[in-house]
Amino acid sequence: MRCLRSATGGHCDFHSHPFDEFTLVTDDCTTNGYALGKVQTVPNTLFLFRRGEAHGFWNTAIQSPRFWVIHFEPGSTLFGELSRLRVLNPSDRVWHLPAGAVATFKWIFLRLFTEHAQAHPHSPLVEAALLQLLLVSVERWATGEAAQSLCPEIPDPEVLRLWHLINECVGRPAEFSRRIGDLAGYDSLRHRFKDVFGASPTQLLLQLRMQKAKNLLLDTPMSIAEIAESLGYERQHEFARAFRKHTGSSASEWRVHPFLKEDSFASESAKYFSK
């Protein structure tokens, strides 16, 4: 999962995954690529890319949209109940959402994000339930079914801005420290943030740095030193100590045997998302 404000002129060339992906575009326009080519995309457009489908995006020199991305494996049984989500034509899996639907998507995203980052003993169950709620909500939006909003009140704007700041500074902890130092009333904001997300801003930043480290270990050939540097660690041994404390393994061991010593989200989630 990730939610990042992309840079003006930024792009991500065509690529694909062995899992499904929701991408919600907000805040600005962009050009999205999918199985049928490139399309101009306005804010509040939701894409569902099925596994193996190529997709990407390209911003102009003045465009800077935010992307809310969820990778998931729903299982064929669940998708079998959701006819509009399993259609073969990719153009039928692109929706422009009304404001209420966008608010619901963001709220579910925030709850999923929090559970995934915290990894409590029952987080896989909560994540499975939230994902099912999201899929059913998208099915309703796609069919035009009128339904009462499933979205509780969104966190206040200051808390949400701090959450975005944490996501944007995953590889730049020094910048994060500097920017929160400039926030008026940060002590009060920090407590409100923890009430919503169950972790302090600095705790969540560390969790996201470790999650990004795992992604880089699994998905790239980057060396441990390169990963440490990309995450803002001045010394490799500081990253090594933090990673071992977080996972119980060294980064090198974890790359070969991921989740071996952890209470693995991946292995637990498989019970609830299995086909």
Protein backbone atom coordinates (compact mmCIF):
# COMPACT_ATOMS: atom_id res chain seq x y z
CA MET A 1 0.00 0.00 0.00
CA ARG A 2 1.11 3.52 -0.66
CA CYS A 3 -0.33 7.00 -0.95
CA LEU A 4 2.04 9.51 -2.47
CA ARG A 5 1.84 12.87 -4.19
CA SER A 6 3.67 12.38 -7.49
CA ALA A 7 6.07 15.02 -8.79
CA THR A 8 5.34 17.36 -11.65
CA GLY A 9 6.64 15.71 -14.79
CA GLY A 10 6.84 12.39 -12.95
CA HIS A 11 6.04 9.09 -14.58
CA CYS A 12 5.95 5.35 -14.07
CA ASP A 13 6.36 3.34 -17.25
CA PHE A 14 4.17 0.38 -18.13
CA HIS A 15 4.59 -2.49 -15.66
CA SER A 16 2.48 -5.33 -14.26
CA HIS A 17 2.10 -7.43 -11.09
CA PRO A 18 1.05 -10.99 -10.20
CA PHE A 19 -1.77 -9.51 -8.08
CA ASP A 20 -4.65 -7.06 -8.47
CA GLU A 21 -4.38 -3.32 -7.86
CA PHE A 22 -6.70 -0.45 -7.05
CA THR A 23 -5.36 3.00 -7.95
CA LEU A 24 -7.38 6.07 -7.01
CA VAL A 25 -6.19 9.33 -8.62
CA THR A 26 -6.96 12.51 -6.66
CA ASP A 27 -5.90 16.18 -6.40
CA ASP A 28 -4.87 16.67 -10.04
CA CYS A 29 -5.13 15.32 -13.57
CA THR A 30 -2.64 12.94 -15.22
CA THR A 31 -2.35 10.44 -18.06
CA ASN A 32 -2.87 6.82 -17.08
CA GLY A 33 -1.83 3.87 -19.17
CA TYR A 34 -3.68 0.57 -19.01
CA ALA A 35 -4.37 -2.45 -21.19
CA LEU A 36 -6.14 -0.39 -23.88
CA GLY A 37 -3.58 2.42 -24.08
CA LYS A 38 -3.21 5.85 -22.50
CA VAL A 39 -6.16 7.92 -21.24
CA GLN A 40 -6.46 11.41 -19.81
CA THR A 41 -7.49 11.06 -16.17
CA VAL A 42 -9.32 13.58 -14.00
CA PRO A 43 -9.25 13.62 -10.18
CA ASN A 44 -11.31 11.03 -8.30
CA THR A 45 -10.90 8.36 -10.98
CA LEU A 46 -10.53 4.79 -9.73
CA PHE A 47 -8.79 2.06 -11.74
CA LEU A 48 -8.91 -1.67 -11.08
CA PHE A 49 -5.99 -3.44 -12.75
CA ARG A 50 -6.27 -7.22 -12.73
CA ARG A 51 -3.19 -9.34 -12.24
CA GLY A 52 -0.82 -9.28 -15.19
CA GLU A 53 -2.35 -6.16 -16.78
CA ALA A 54 0.20 -3.51 -17.75
CA HIS A 55 -0.36 0.01 -16.39
CA GLY A 56 1.52 3.25 -15.70
CA PHE A 57 1.16 7.03 -15.47
CA TRP A 58 2.68 10.17 -16.97
CA ASN A 59 2.36 13.71 -15.54
CA THR A 60 2.87 16.90 -17.50
CA ALA A 61 5.20 19.62 -16.22
CA ILE A 62 2.35 21.12 -14.18
CA GLN A 63 0.50 18.00 -13.00
CA SER A 64 1.04 16.54 -9.53
CA PRO A 65 -1.73 14.04 -8.67
CA ARG A 66 -1.92 11.88 -5.59
CA PHE A 67 -2.15 8.11 -6.05
CA TRP A 68 -3.83 5.84 -3.48
CA VAL A 69 -2.60 2.34 -4.35
CA ILE A 70 -3.66 -1.02 -2.89
CA HIS A 71 -2.20 -4.34 -4.03
CA PHE A 72 -4.33 -7.34 -3.08
CA GLU A 73 -5.37 -10.92 -3.86
CA PRO A 74 -9.14 -11.27 -3.34
CA GLY A 75 -9.54 -14.92 -4.29
CA SER A 76 -11.86 -16.21 -6.99
CA THR A 77 -14.74 -16.98 -4.61
CA LEU A 78 -15.09 -13.37 -3.50
CA PHE A 79 -14.73 -11.96 -7.00
CA GLY A 80 -17.32 -14.47 -8.16
CA GLU A 81 -19.91 -12.50 -6.18
CA LEU A 82 -18.88 -9.15 -7.71
CA SER A 83 -19.80 -9.17 -11.37
CA ARG A 84 -18.69 -5.63 -12.22
CA LEU A 85 -15.20 -6.20 -10.82
CA ARG A 86 -14.47 -9.38 -12.74
CA VAL A 87 -15.38 -8.07 -16.21
CA LEU A 88 -12.73 -8.72 -18.85
CA ASN A 89 -12.83 -5.34 -20.60
CA PRO A 90 -10.37 -3.03 -18.75
CA SER A 91 -12.37 0.06 -19.75
CA ASP A 92 -15.27 -1.27 -17.66
CA ARG A 93 -13.02 -1.18 -14.60
CA VAL A 94 -12.44 2.58 -14.62
CA TRP A 95 -14.84 4.72 -12.58
CA HIS A 96 -15.18 8.42 -11.82
CA LEU A 97 -16.29 8.49 -8.19
CA PRO A 98 -18.58 11.03 -6.51
CA ALA A 99 -17.33 12.83 -3.40
CA GLY A 100 -19.02 10.43 -0.98
CA ALA A 101 -17.45 7.39 -2.64
CA VAL A 102 -14.00 9.03 -2.59
CA ALA A 103 -14.40 9.71 1.15
CA THR A 104 -15.35 6.06 1.72
CA PHE A 105 -12.37 4.81 -0.30
CA LYS A 106 -9.99 7.06 1.65
CA TRP A 107 -11.39 5.99 5.01
CA ILE A 108 -11.10 2.28 4.20
CA PHE A 109 -7.61 2.90 2.81
CA LEU A 110 -6.54 4.62 6.05
CA ARG A 111 -7.86 1.76 8.18
CA LEU A 112 -6.20 -0.87 5.95
CA PHE A 113 -2.98 1.11 6.01
CA THR A 114 -3.03 1.36 9.80
CA GLU A 115 -3.69 -2.35 10.33
CA HIS A 116 -1.03 -3.33 7.81
CA ALA A 117 1.56 -1.04 9.41
CA GLN A 118 0.76 -2.09 12.97
CA ALA A 119 0.59 -5.86 12.29
CA HIS A 120 -1.29 -6.72 15.48
CA PRO A 121 -2.13 -10.41 16.07
CA HIS A 122 -5.61 -10.01 14.55
CA SER A 123 -4.66 -7.52 11.83
CA PRO A 124 -5.05 -10.07 9.00
CA LEU A 125 -8.68 -10.63 10.00
CA VAL A 126 -9.33 -6.90 10.12
CA GLU A 127 -7.59 -6.36 6.78
CA ALA A 128 -9.62 -9.14 5.18
CA ALA A 129 -12.84 -7.57 6.42
CA LEU A 130 -11.84 -4.08 5.29
CA LEU A 131 -10.80 -5.31 1.86
CA GLN A 132 -14.11 -7.10 1.44
CA LEU A 133 -15.90 -3.90 2.48
CA LEU A 134 -13.94 -1.94 -0.12
CA LEU A 135 -14.66 -4.44 -2.89
CA VAL A 136 -18.37 -4.47 -2.13
CA SER A 137 -18.39 -0.67 -2.03
CA VAL A 138 -16.74 -0.47 -5.46
CA GLU A 139 -19.24 -3.00 -6.82
CA ARG A 140 -22.07 -0.78 -5.59
CA TRP A 141 -20.53 2.34 -7.12
CA ALA A 142 -19.98 0.51 -10.39
CA THR A 143 -23.60 -0.64 -10.60
CA GLY A 144 -24.99 2.74 -9.51
CA GLU A 145 -26.64 1.13 -6.51
CA ALA A 146 -27.83 3.75 -4.03
CA ALA A 147 -26.61 2.84 -0.58
CA GLN A 148 -26.00 4.59 2.69
CA SER A 149 -22.41 5.70 3.08
CA LEU A 150 -20.23 3.17 4.88
CA CYS A 151 -17.74 5.88 5.80
CA PRO A 152 -17.39 7.21 9.35
CA GLU A 153 -16.05 10.70 9.84
CA ILE A 154 -12.67 11.29 8.19
CA PRO A 155 -9.87 12.44 10.55
CA ASP A 156 -9.51 16.17 10.86
CA PRO A 157 -7.49 17.82 8.07
CA GLU A 158 -4.42 18.46 10.24
CA VAL A 159 -4.16 14.77 11.19
CA LEU A 160 -4.58 13.75 7.55
CA ARG A 161 -1.92 16.23 6.40
CA LEU A 162 0.49 14.78 8.98
CA TRP A 163 -0.26 11.27 7.71
CA HIS A 164 0.57 12.37 4.16
CA LEU A 165 3.77 14.02 5.40
CA ILE A 166 4.90 10.74 7.01
CA ASN A 167 4.31 8.87 3.75
CA GLU A 168 6.26 11.45 1.77
CA CYS A 169 9.24 11.37 4.16
CA VAL A 170 9.76 7.61 4.46
CA GLY A 171 13.26 7.94 2.97
CA ARG A 172 13.94 11.37 4.44
CA PRO A 173 13.64 11.19 8.26
CA ALA A 174 15.73 14.32 8.77
CA GLU A 175 13.30 16.30 6.63
CA PHE A 176 10.41 14.84 8.62
CA SER A 177 11.98 15.95 11.91
CA ARG A 178 12.56 19.42 10.51
CA ARG A 179 9.03 19.79 9.16
CA ILE A 180 7.23 18.61 12.29
CA GLY A 181 9.37 21.06 14.24
CA ASP A 182 7.72 23.83 12.23
CA LEU A 183 4.18 22.64 13.04
CA ALA A 184 2.30 24.77 15.56
CA GLY A 185 0.70 22.76 18.36
CA TYR A 186 2.50 19.57 17.40
CA ASP A 187 2.09 17.94 20.84
CA SER A 188 -1.69 18.15 20.57
CA LEU A 189 -1.61 17.02 16.94
CA ARG A 190 0.62 14.04 17.84
CA HIS A 191 -1.91 12.82 20.43
CA ARG A 192 -4.82 13.22 18.00
CA PHE A 193 -2.81 11.32 15.38
CA LYS A 194 -2.17 8.42 17.77
CA ASP A 195 -5.86 8.26 18.69
CA VAL A 196 -6.69 7.74 14.99
CA PHE A 197 -3.81 5.50 13.83
CA GLY A 198 -2.77 3.71 17.01
CA ALA A 199 0.86 4.83 16.71
CA SER A 200 2.74 8.07 17.09
CA PRO A 201 3.99 9.80 13.93
CA THR A 202 7.59 8.71 14.58
CA GLN A 203 6.52 5.12 15.27
CA LEU A 204 4.54 4.99 12.03
CA LEU A 205 7.47 6.49 10.11
CA LEU A 206 9.74 3.70 11.39
CA GLN A 207 7.19 1.04 10.49
CA LEU A 208 6.87 2.40 6.97
CA ARG A 209 10.66 2.56 6.56
CA MET A 210 10.87 -1.11 7.53
CA GLN A 211 8.04 -1.99 5.15
CA LYS A 212 9.80 -0.18 2.33
CA ALA A 213 13.02 -2.00 3.20
CA LYS A 214 11.19 -5.33 2.85
CA ASN A 215 9.76 -4.28 -0.49
CA LEU A 216 13.21 -3.33 -1.77
CA LEU A 217 14.73 -6.58 -0.49
CA LEU A 218 12.08 -8.64 -2.26
CA ASP A 219 11.61 -6.63 -5.45
CA THR A 220 15.05 -5.20 -6.30
CA PRO A 221 18.67 -6.33 -6.52
CA MET A 222 19.79 -3.34 -4.41
CA SER A 223 22.53 -4.05 -1.90
CA ILE A 224 21.90 -3.69 1.85
CA ALA A 225 24.04 -0.54 1.83
CA GLU A 226 22.03 0.95 -1.02
CA ILE A 227 18.75 0.17 0.74
CA ALA A 228 20.00 1.74 3.97
CA GLU A 229 21.00 4.89 2.09
CA SER A 230 17.67 5.09 0.23
CA LEU A 231 15.86 5.00 3.57
CA GLY A 232 17.90 7.87 4.99
CA TYR A 233 20.24 5.93 7.27
CA GLU A 234 23.66 7.58 7.51
CA ARG A 235 25.31 4.32 8.59
CA GLN A 236 24.49 0.84 7.39
CA HIS A 237 24.80 -0.67 10.87
CA GLU A 238 22.02 1.64 12.13
CA PHE A 239 19.70 0.25 9.47
CA ALA A 240 20.85 -3.31 10.25
CA ARG A 241 20.08 -2.87 13.95
CA ALA A 242 16.64 -1.35 13.26
CA PHE A 243 15.73 -4.08 10.77
CA ARG A 244 16.76 -6.92 13.09
CA LYS A 245 14.79 -5.36 15.95
CA HIS A 246 11.74 -5.09 13.69
CA THR A 247 11.86 -8.55 12.08
CA GLY A 248 14.13 -10.75 14.23
CA SER A 249 16.39 -11.36 11.22
CA SER A 250 19.20 -9.61 9.45
CA ALA A 251 18.30 -8.01 6.14
CA SER A 252 20.37 -10.61 4.28
CA GLU A 253 18.64 -13.50 6.06
CA TRP A 254 15.21 -11.96 5.50
CA ARG A 255 15.87 -11.54 1.77
CA VAL A 256 16.46 -15.32 1.49
CA HIS A 257 13.73 -16.39 3.93
CA PRO A 258 11.19 -13.57 4.21
CA PHE A 259 8.88 -13.63 7.25
CA LEU A 260 10.61 -16.71 8.66
CA LYS A 261 10.98 -15.27 12.17
CA GLU A 262 8.10 -12.82 12.07
CA ASP A 263 4.45 -13.23 12.86
CA SER A 264 4.03 -13.01 9.13
CA PHE A 265 1.20 -10.93 7.72
CA ALA A 266 1.74 -12.68 4.43
CA SER A 267 1.29 -16.20 5.73
CA GLU A 268 -1.63 -15.28 7.99
CA SER A 269 -3.39 -13.29 5.28
CA ALA A 270 -3.24 -16.26 2.95
CA LYS A 271 -5.75 -18.02 5.21
CA TYR A 272 -8.32 -15.32 4.63
CA PHE A 273 -7.65 -14.38 1.00
CA SER A 274 -7.12 -17.89 -0.33
CA LYS A 275 -8.81 -18.92 -3.54
